[in-house]
Amino acid sequence: MTLALGCIADDYTGASDLANTLTRCGLRTVQTIGVPSNDLALPDVDAVVVSLKSRSIEASLAVSRSRAAEKWLRGRGAAHVLFKICSTFDSTDDGNIGPVMDALRADAGDAIVLVTPAFPETGRTVYQGNLFVGSVPLNESPLRDHPLNPMHDSNLVRVLARQSKTRIGLVALADIARGPDAVRARLADLSKQGFGAAIADAVFDGDLETIGAVALDHRLSVGASGVGLGLARALVASGRVKPNASDAISEAPVGGPAACLAGSCSQATLQQIARAEEAMPVLHLEADKAVAGKDEARRALAWAKDRLKQSPILIASSSTPEQVAALQARHGRDAAGHAIEQAMADIAEGLVQAGVRRLVVAGGETSGAVVDRLAIPGFLVGAEIAAGVPVLRAVGASHGPMLLALKSGNFGGPEFFSDALKLMR
């Protein structure tokens, strides 16, 4: 296998978003869970997205796991590697974006790295180095209150400078608008001044295409799925890849019971849960009981098994930001988050044992816990449910054929759960 593009994603839903973007651009794409074993049989593809659960772990672990993924990808011929991060730049002042970027840049030997979380089609733009969500800066949007990685500064030059050991510069929109050569000249000037990374402005899809064309001059880039879009279009435009992605979900239907799990606390997911209550049975976990032990997960499974034969079901641990803050105050932030994730993983494992083979999961941390527990090594990327969310067909799963959808909390419309199940046959 010789890859046109290798990607390392810092969470599972972000990996699905990126894999979906690459597939839409014509690249045959596989998403793996963790660094693949050498004996995992993968089809002939243009791109591999290695999914890690490294966004919120200790920085040194995130670095070591990301370096292992890069080594695997380079060994399969990937001349360029994208370190895929969240479009809201989720990280604390200690990392993990900066430390991972620094390590991968050193391994790649690049003098300077382009960085941007911009993805205009999902409302994420960068102007003068500031990240906007729709029409407002990130720190004024509802996304500022992420329970693990709250983002209270929209200026990404400052944010990344607090995490990285290198100087952080800016490629402003005026340079981007003048095209690839102007961006190359700006990067060369920054590099001469000792800058090791540069935040790139991007407001329109065309800006991403410029960034992608320039990024391919280097061995590493850092960004959200918008950078993946730019890289994929640049690969196709250069003739290095022929757009030939096929529908990976065109095989026989999986059928059987279907279930949804929601762990995200975003406003979008809370609205989607409320809408799902009109279409299917929904159970809300009692958070304190879920933190206290296994009984709450057992209660949820018993509830689900009584209903799965009649219709899809949804089990939610999602709460409002105020409820999350109160739970963290009672039990500790890390302990509460880990306990809820493991409760959802327990429930997912029990659902699969009960025959569920179509599973929709909302929330990055929840998706990571669920997929880890189910020990699914990889996915073929299929039809798009919503922007950034494809249907995934399990590859190498011990329990046989299975379809999943792994949704970042902020993605999808109000009817997302019903929309997903319609495509997952």
Protein backbone atom coordinates (compact mmCIF):
# COMPACT_ATOMS: atom_id res chain seq x y z
CA MET A 1 0.00 0.00 0.00
CA THR A 2 1.32 3.46 -0.96
CA LEU A 3 -0.80 6.22 0.54
CA ALA A 4 -1.35 9.59 -1.10
CA LEU A 5 -2.29 11.05 2.28
CA GLY A 6 -1.87 9.98 5.88
CA CYS A 7 -3.90 11.53 8.70
CA ILE A 8 -3.74 11.39 12.50
CA ALA A 9 -6.94 12.46 14.27
CA ASP A 10 -7.03 13.34 17.97
CA ASP A 11 -10.51 11.88 18.51
CA TYR A 12 -12.82 9.40 16.82
CA THR A 13 -15.65 11.68 15.71
CA GLY A 14 -13.15 14.13 14.26
CA ALA A 15 -11.60 11.23 12.38
CA SER A 16 -15.00 10.32 10.93
CA ASP A 17 -15.56 13.94 9.92
CA LEU A 18 -12.20 14.01 8.13
CA ALA A 19 -12.67 10.60 6.49
CA ASN A 20 -16.08 11.75 5.25
CA THR A 21 -14.56 14.90 3.77
CA LEU A 22 -11.82 12.97 1.96
CA THR A 23 -14.36 10.49 0.58
CA ARG A 24 -16.58 13.30 -0.73
CA CYS A 25 -13.53 14.70 -2.55
CA GLY A 26 -12.99 11.36 -4.29
CA LEU A 27 -10.31 9.72 -2.14
CA ARG A 28 -10.81 6.07 -1.20
CA THR A 29 -10.53 6.28 2.57
CA VAL A 30 -10.31 3.96 5.56
CA GLN A 31 -10.56 5.09 9.17
CA THR A 32 -8.67 2.94 11.68
CA ILE A 33 -9.08 2.86 15.44
CA GLY A 34 -5.62 3.35 16.81
CA VAL A 35 -2.45 2.41 14.96
CA PRO A 36 -3.36 -0.66 12.91
CA SER A 37 -1.72 -4.00 13.55
CA ASN A 38 0.41 -5.31 10.72
CA ASP A 39 -1.99 -8.20 10.09
CA LEU A 40 -5.12 -6.03 9.63
CA ALA A 41 -6.26 -6.52 6.03
CA LEU A 42 -7.04 -3.12 4.50
CA PRO A 43 -8.39 -2.53 1.00
CA ASP A 44 -6.45 -0.53 -1.59
CA VAL A 45 -7.07 3.09 -0.62
CA ASP A 46 -5.74 6.61 -1.19
CA ALA A 47 -5.90 7.79 2.41
CA VAL A 48 -5.89 6.34 5.91
CA VAL A 49 -7.15 8.29 8.92
CA VAL A 50 -5.67 6.87 12.13
CA SER A 51 -8.08 7.67 14.97
CA LEU A 52 -6.55 8.34 18.36
CA LYS A 53 -8.22 9.33 21.60
CA SER A 54 -5.53 11.85 22.45
CA ARG A 55 -7.24 15.23 22.67
CA SER A 56 -7.65 15.33 26.45
CA ILE A 57 -5.04 12.88 27.76
CA GLU A 58 -1.68 13.74 29.32
CA ALA A 59 0.45 15.56 26.74
CA SER A 60 3.38 13.14 26.73
CA LEU A 61 1.02 10.25 25.95
CA ALA A 62 -0.61 12.22 23.15
CA VAL A 63 2.84 12.87 21.69
CA SER A 64 4.01 9.25 21.86
CA ARG A 65 0.80 7.88 20.33
CA SER A 66 0.79 10.48 17.56
CA ARG A 67 4.43 9.74 16.71
CA ALA A 68 3.63 6.02 16.50
CA ALA A 69 0.77 6.78 14.12
CA GLU A 70 2.99 8.98 11.95
CA LYS A 71 5.65 6.26 11.79
CA TRP A 72 3.04 3.73 10.60
CA LEU A 73 1.71 6.12 7.96
CA ARG A 74 5.17 7.05 6.67
CA GLY A 75 5.94 3.34 6.44
CA ARG A 76 2.99 3.00 4.04
CA GLY A 77 4.36 5.70 1.76
CA ALA A 78 2.55 8.80 3.03
CA ALA A 79 4.60 11.79 1.88
CA HIS A 80 2.27 14.20 3.68
CA VAL A 81 0.63 13.73 7.08
CA LEU A 82 -2.21 15.87 8.44
CA PHE A 83 -2.54 16.11 12.22
CA LYS A 84 -6.31 16.53 12.47
CA ILE A 85 -7.60 18.65 15.37
CA CYS A 86 -11.02 19.94 16.37
CA SER A 87 -12.53 22.84 14.41
CA THR A 88 -12.91 24.65 17.74
CA PHE A 89 -9.21 24.10 18.57
CA ASP A 90 -10.13 22.17 21.74
CA SER A 91 -7.09 22.17 24.03
CA THR A 92 -5.81 23.64 27.26
CA ASP A 93 -2.81 25.93 27.73
CA ASP A 94 -0.75 22.79 28.42
CA GLY A 95 -1.73 21.12 25.13
CA ASN A 96 -2.24 18.87 23.42
CA ILE A 97 -2.12 20.55 20.01
CA GLY A 98 1.18 22.38 20.56
CA PRO A 99 3.23 19.49 22.00
CA VAL A 100 2.04 17.05 19.32
CA MET A 101 2.68 19.58 16.55
CA ASP A 102 6.19 20.24 17.86
CA ALA A 103 7.03 16.53 17.97
CA LEU A 104 5.60 15.73 14.53
CA ARG A 105 7.32 18.77 12.99
CA ALA A 106 10.66 17.60 14.38
CA ASP A 107 10.10 14.09 13.03
CA ALA A 108 9.04 15.43 9.62
CA GLY A 109 11.95 17.86 9.39
CA ASP A 110 9.74 20.77 8.31
CA ALA A 111 11.01 24.29 8.99
CA ILE A 112 7.47 25.66 9.35
CA VAL A 113 3.97 24.18 9.56
CA LEU A 114 0.63 25.58 8.37
CA VAL A 115 -2.12 25.42 11.02
CA THR A 116 -5.84 26.23 10.73
CA PRO A 117 -9.05 24.79 12.19
CA ALA A 118 -11.17 26.62 9.59
CA PHE A 119 -14.00 24.69 7.90
CA PRO A 120 -16.40 27.28 6.43
CA GLU A 121 -19.15 24.81 5.50
CA THR A 122 -19.60 24.04 9.22
CA GLY A 123 -19.39 27.73 10.22
CA ARG A 124 -15.76 27.71 11.42
CA THR A 125 -13.68 30.52 9.93
CA VAL A 126 -10.41 32.20 10.89
CA TYR A 127 -9.72 35.90 10.33
CA GLN A 128 -6.65 37.76 11.56
CA GLY A 129 -5.85 34.63 13.54
CA ASN A 130 -9.16 34.68 15.41
CA LEU A 131 -11.49 31.68 15.26
CA PHE A 132 -15.15 32.43 14.59
CA VAL A 133 -18.16 30.16 15.12
CA GLY A 134 -20.72 31.55 12.73
CA SER A 135 -20.64 35.30 13.19
CA VAL A 136 -19.13 35.44 16.68
CA PRO A 137 -15.64 34.79 18.08
CA LEU A 138 -15.19 31.36 19.66
CA ASN A 139 -14.94 32.78 23.18
CA GLU A 140 -18.39 34.41 22.78
CA SER A 141 -20.07 31.28 21.38
CA PRO A 142 -21.78 28.45 23.30
CA LEU A 143 -18.80 26.23 22.38
CA ARG A 144 -16.60 28.09 24.84
CA ASP A 145 -18.01 25.91 27.66
CA HIS A 146 -16.63 22.50 26.63
CA PRO A 147 -16.55 20.42 29.84
CA LEU A 148 -12.98 19.16 29.26
CA ASN A 149 -11.36 21.83 27.07
CA PRO A 150 -13.13 25.17 27.56
CA MET A 151 -11.92 27.76 25.05
CA HIS A 152 -11.96 31.32 26.33
CA ASP A 153 -9.53 32.90 23.86
CA SER A 154 -10.39 33.10 20.15
CA ASN A 155 -6.92 34.33 19.09
CA LEU A 156 -5.20 31.14 17.92
CA VAL A 157 -1.78 32.75 17.60
CA ARG A 158 -1.88 33.38 21.36
CA VAL A 159 -3.48 30.01 22.15
CA LEU A 160 -0.93 27.97 20.22
CA ALA A 161 1.99 30.09 21.49
CA ARG A 162 1.06 29.11 25.06
CA GLN A 163 1.36 25.42 24.12
CA SER A 164 4.24 25.27 21.65
CA LYS A 165 7.99 25.65 22.06
CA THR A 166 8.25 27.43 18.71
CA ARG A 167 7.23 30.93 17.66
CA ILE A 168 3.78 31.19 16.07
CA GLY A 169 3.14 33.52 13.14
CA LEU A 170 0.14 34.45 10.99
CA VAL A 171 -0.64 34.05 7.29
CA ALA A 172 -3.35 36.67 6.95
CA LEU A 173 -6.33 36.54 4.60
CA ALA A 174 -4.71 39.14 2.33
CA ASP A 175 -1.87 36.69 1.61
CA ILE A 176 -4.25 33.76 1.19
CA ALA A 177 -6.33 35.76 -1.32
CA ARG A 178 -3.26 36.38 -3.49
CA GLY A 179 -2.82 32.66 -4.00
CA PRO A 180 -0.33 29.86 -3.30
CA ASP A 181 2.83 31.75 -4.32
CA ALA A 182 2.02 34.62 -1.96
CA VAL A 183 1.48 32.13 0.86
CA ARG A 184 4.77 30.38 0.06
CA ALA A 185 6.56 33.73 0.18
CA ARG A 186 4.95 34.60 3.52
CA LEU A 187 5.95 31.23 5.01
CA ALA A 188 9.51 31.62 3.76
CA ASP A 189 9.71 35.06 5.40
CA LEU A 190 8.30 33.77 8.69
CA SER A 191 10.71 30.83 8.65
CA LYS A 192 13.69 33.16 8.18
CA GLN A 193 12.49 35.08 11.26
CA GLY A 194 12.50 31.90 13.34
CA PHE A 195 8.79 31.06 13.32
CA GLY A 196 8.08 27.32 13.33
CA ALA A 197 4.33 27.42 12.73
CA ALA A 198 1.76 29.80 11.27
CA ILE A 199 -1.97 30.14 11.79
CA ALA A 200 -3.61 30.53 8.38
CA ASP A 201 -6.74 32.62 7.88
CA ALA A 202 -9.54 30.99 5.89
CA VAL A 203 -13.05 32.30 5.27
CA PHE A 204 -14.09 30.52 2.05
CA ASP A 205 -13.56 27.04 0.58
CA GLY A 206 -11.23 28.59 -1.99
CA ASP A 207 -8.95 29.65 0.87
CA LEU A 208 -8.71 26.00 1.93
CA GLU A 209 -7.71 25.00 -1.60
CA THR A 210 -4.87 27.54 -1.49
CA ILE A 211 -3.77 26.25 1.90
CA GLY A 212 -3.94 22.64 0.72
CA ALA A 213 -1.83 23.32 -2.37
CA VAL A 214 0.88 24.97 -0.26
CA ALA A 215 0.69 22.39 2.52
CA LEU A 216 1.59 19.63 0.06
CA ASP A 217 4.98 21.31 -0.36
CA HIS A 218 5.64 20.22 3.24
CA ARG A 219 5.53 16.89 5.06
CA LEU A 220 3.14 18.00 7.83
CA SER A 221 0.10 20.20 8.30
CA VAL A 222 -2.21 20.77 11.28
CA GLY A 223 -5.90 21.54 11.11
CA ALA A 224 -9.52 20.49 11.03
CA SER A 225 -11.29 18.71 8.20
CA GLY A 226 -11.19 21.89 6.14
CA VAL A 227 -7.45 21.35 5.65
CA GLY A 228 -8.27 17.79 4.60
CA LEU A 229 -10.62 19.22 1.96
CA GLY A 230 -7.87 21.50 0.67
CA LEU A 231 -5.31 18.68 0.60
CA ALA A 232 -7.68 16.28 -1.16
CA ARG A 233 -8.61 18.81 -3.85
CA ALA A 234 -4.94 19.64 -4.34
CA LEU A 235 -4.06 15.96 -4.75
CA VAL A 236 -6.80 15.52 -7.34
CA ALA A 237 -5.90 18.74 -9.17
CA SER A 238 -2.23 17.71 -9.36
CA GLY A 239 -3.11 14.31 -10.80
CA ARG A 240 -1.57 12.44 -7.90
CA VAL A 241 -5.00 10.95 -7.09
CA LYS A 242 -7.80 10.03 -9.46
CA PRO A 243 -11.20 10.76 -7.89
CA ASN A 244 -12.55 7.25 -7.62
CA ALA A 245 -14.03 6.81 -4.15
CA SER A 246 -16.88 4.31 -4.18
CA ASP A 247 -19.83 3.87 -1.84
CA ALA A 248 -18.39 1.62 0.86
CA ILE A 249 -21.87 0.96 2.24
CA SER A 250 -23.29 -0.49 -0.97
CA GLU A 251 -23.03 -4.02 0.45
CA ALA A 252 -25.91 -6.08 1.81
CA PRO A 253 -27.95 -4.37 4.55
CA VAL A 254 -27.02 -5.22 8.13
CA GLY A 255 -30.54 -5.00 9.59
CA GLY A 256 -31.48 -5.95 13.12
CA PRO A 257 -32.09 -3.75 16.18
CA ALA A 258 -30.77 -0.18 16.20
CA ALA A 259 -29.81 2.09 19.09
CA CYS A 260 -28.50 5.60 19.71
CA LEU A 261 -26.22 6.82 22.52
CA ALA A 262 -25.72 10.50 23.36
CA GLY A 263 -22.95 11.73 25.64
CA SER A 264 -22.31 15.18 24.21
CA CYS A 265 -23.48 18.18 26.21
CA SER A 266 -23.53 20.59 23.26
CA GLN A 267 -26.62 22.64 22.55
CA ALA A 268 -26.96 20.89 19.18
CA THR A 269 -27.04 17.42 20.73
CA LEU A 270 -29.45 18.50 23.47
CA GLN A 271 -31.83 19.77 20.78
CA GLN A 272 -31.41 16.53 18.80
CA ILE A 273 -32.28 14.47 21.87
CA ALA A 274 -35.39 16.56 22.46
CA ARG A 275 -36.49 15.98 18.87
CA ALA A 276 -35.73 12.24 19.09
CA GLU A 277 -38.15 11.96 22.02
CA GLU A 278 -40.92 12.55 19.49
CA ALA A 279 -39.82 9.55 17.38
CA MET A 280 -38.42 6.88 19.70
CA PRO A 281 -38.16 5.86 23.37
CA VAL A 282 -35.48 7.92 25.18
CA LEU A 283 -33.89 7.22 28.56
CA HIS A 284 -31.91 9.88 30.43
CA LEU A 285 -29.26 8.43 32.74
CA GLU A 286 -29.09 9.71 36.31
CA ALA A 287 -25.56 11.11 36.32
CA ASP A 288 -24.78 10.70 40.01
CA LYS A 289 -25.86 7.06 39.90
CA ALA A 290 -23.78 6.47 36.76
CA VAL A 291 -20.72 7.87 38.56
CA ALA A 292 -21.43 5.79 41.67
CA GLY A 293 -21.27 2.35 40.03
CA LYS A 294 -22.57 -0.12 37.44
CA ASP A 295 -26.22 -0.24 38.52
CA GLU A 296 -27.29 2.69 36.34
CA ALA A 297 -25.86 1.07 33.21
CA ARG A 298 -27.62 -2.20 34.11
CA ARG A 299 -30.90 -0.30 34.53
CA ALA A 300 -30.44 1.31 31.11
CA LEU A 301 -29.76 -2.05 29.45
CA ALA A 302 -32.81 -3.65 31.02
CA TRP A 303 -34.90 -0.70 29.82
CA ALA A 304 -33.45 -0.99 26.29
CA LYS A 305 -33.91 -4.75 25.93
CA ASP A 306 -37.64 -4.40 26.61
CA ARG A 307 -37.98 -1.95 23.71
CA LEU A 308 -35.43 -2.87 21.01
CA LYS A 309 -37.74 -5.33 19.25
CA GLN A 310 -40.34 -2.61 18.73
CA SER A 311 -38.22 0.37 17.62
CA PRO A 312 -34.83 2.07 17.84
CA ILE A 313 -34.05 3.54 21.25
CA LEU A 314 -31.87 6.37 22.57
CA ILE A 315 -29.97 6.46 25.87
CA ALA A 316 -28.52 9.84 26.87
CA SER A 317 -26.05 10.97 29.50
CA SER A 318 -26.09 14.50 28.07
CA SER A 319 -26.68 17.40 30.45
CA THR A 320 -26.69 21.18 30.35
CA PRO A 321 -23.42 23.02 31.09
CA GLU A 322 -24.78 23.98 34.52
CA GLN A 323 -25.61 20.38 35.38
CA VAL A 324 -22.19 19.22 34.16
CA ALA A 325 -20.46 21.84 36.31
CA ALA A 326 -22.42 20.75 39.38
CA LEU A 327 -21.60 17.08 38.74
CA GLN A 328 -17.90 17.91 38.37
CA ALA A 329 -17.99 19.91 41.59
CA ARG A 330 -19.40 16.91 43.45
CA HIS A 331 -17.14 14.22 41.99
CA GLY A 332 -14.19 15.94 40.31
CA ARG A 333 -13.94 16.80 36.62
CA ASP A 334 -11.81 13.88 35.46
CA ALA A 335 -13.49 11.28 37.66
CA ALA A 336 -16.97 12.32 36.60
CA GLY A 337 -16.09 12.39 32.91
CA HIS A 338 -14.37 9.00 32.99
CA ALA A 339 -17.20 7.37 34.90
CA ILE A 340 -19.86 8.62 32.48
CA GLU A 341 -17.82 7.51 29.47
CA GLN A 342 -17.35 4.03 30.92
CA ALA A 343 -21.05 3.77 31.75
CA MET A 344 -21.86 4.53 28.11
CA ALA A 345 -19.27 1.98 26.98
CA ASP A 346 -20.86 -0.62 29.29
CA ILE A 347 -24.23 0.13 27.73
CA ALA A 348 -22.87 -0.11 24.17
CA GLU A 349 -21.25 -3.46 24.93
CA GLY A 350 -24.49 -4.75 26.39
CA LEU A 351 -26.49 -3.51 23.41
CA VAL A 352 -24.22 -5.30 20.95
CA GLN A 353 -24.45 -8.48 23.02
CA ALA A 354 -28.24 -8.08 22.76
CA GLY A 355 -28.02 -8.05 18.96
CA VAL A 356 -27.68 -4.35 18.07
CA ARG A 357 -25.69 -3.99 14.85
CA ARG A 358 -26.63 -0.41 13.95
CA LEU A 359 -25.34 2.09 16.50
CA VAL A 360 -25.35 5.91 16.46
CA VAL A 361 -23.10 7.67 19.00
CA ALA A 362 -23.07 11.42 19.70
CA GLY A 363 -20.05 13.00 21.37
CA GLY A 364 -16.32 12.64 20.78
CA GLU A 365 -15.34 11.27 24.18
CA THR A 366 -18.36 8.96 24.26
CA SER A 367 -17.58 7.67 20.75
CA GLY A 368 -14.01 6.98 21.76
CA ALA A 369 -15.03 5.00 24.83
CA VAL A 370 -17.63 3.02 22.88
CA VAL A 371 -15.40 2.08 19.96
CA ASP A 372 -12.54 1.14 22.29
CA ARG A 373 -14.84 -1.15 24.26
CA LEU A 374 -16.21 -2.79 21.11
CA ALA A 375 -12.61 -3.31 19.85
CA ILE A 376 -13.42 -2.40 16.25
CA PRO A 377 -10.11 -1.97 14.38
CA GLY A 378 -11.34 0.11 11.45
CA PHE A 379 -14.12 1.35 9.16
CA LEU A 380 -14.90 1.82 5.52
CA VAL A 381 -16.37 5.26 4.95
CA GLY A 382 -19.79 5.45 3.31
CA ALA A 383 -22.71 7.80 2.72
CA GLU A 384 -22.88 11.18 4.44
CA ILE A 385 -25.63 11.58 7.05
CA ALA A 386 -24.89 15.23 7.82
CA ALA A 387 -21.94 17.50 7.13
CA GLY A 388 -18.95 15.78 8.70
CA VAL A 389 -20.77 12.59 9.74
CA PRO A 390 -20.63 9.49 7.47
CA VAL A 391 -22.04 6.02 7.84
CA LEU A 392 -19.20 3.67 8.84
CA ARG A 393 -19.03 -0.07 8.08
CA ALA A 394 -16.89 -1.97 10.57
CA VAL A 395 -13.75 -3.70 9.25
CA GLY A 396 -12.36 -6.68 11.15
CA ALA A 397 -14.98 -6.59 13.93
CA SER A 398 -15.17 -9.83 15.95
CA HIS A 399 -18.98 -9.63 16.22
CA GLY A 400 -19.57 -9.49 12.46
CA PRO A 401 -21.07 -6.84 10.15
CA MET A 402 -21.99 -3.59 11.86
CA LEU A 403 -22.84 -0.01 10.90
CA LEU A 404 -21.98 2.97 13.09
CA ALA A 405 -22.24 6.74 13.02
CA LEU A 406 -19.89 8.70 15.27
CA LYS A 407 -21.02 12.31 15.63
CA SER A 408 -19.16 15.25 17.07
CA GLY A 409 -21.50 16.93 19.54
CA ASN A 410 -21.95 20.11 17.50
CA PHE A 411 -22.72 18.43 14.16
CA GLY A 412 -26.00 17.54 12.49
CA GLY A 413 -29.47 19.03 12.26
CA PRO A 414 -32.37 18.67 14.69
CA GLU A 415 -33.49 15.34 13.16
CA PHE A 416 -29.99 13.84 13.20
CA PHE A 417 -30.79 10.57 14.99
CA SER A 418 -33.72 9.77 12.70
CA ASP A 419 -31.72 10.84 9.62
CA ALA A 420 -28.87 8.53 10.61
CA LEU A 421 -31.08 5.51 11.12
CA LYS A 422 -32.74 6.00 7.72
CA LEU A 423 -29.34 5.56 6.01
CA MET A 424 -28.15 2.71 8.24
CA ARG A 425 -30.07 -0.28 6.83
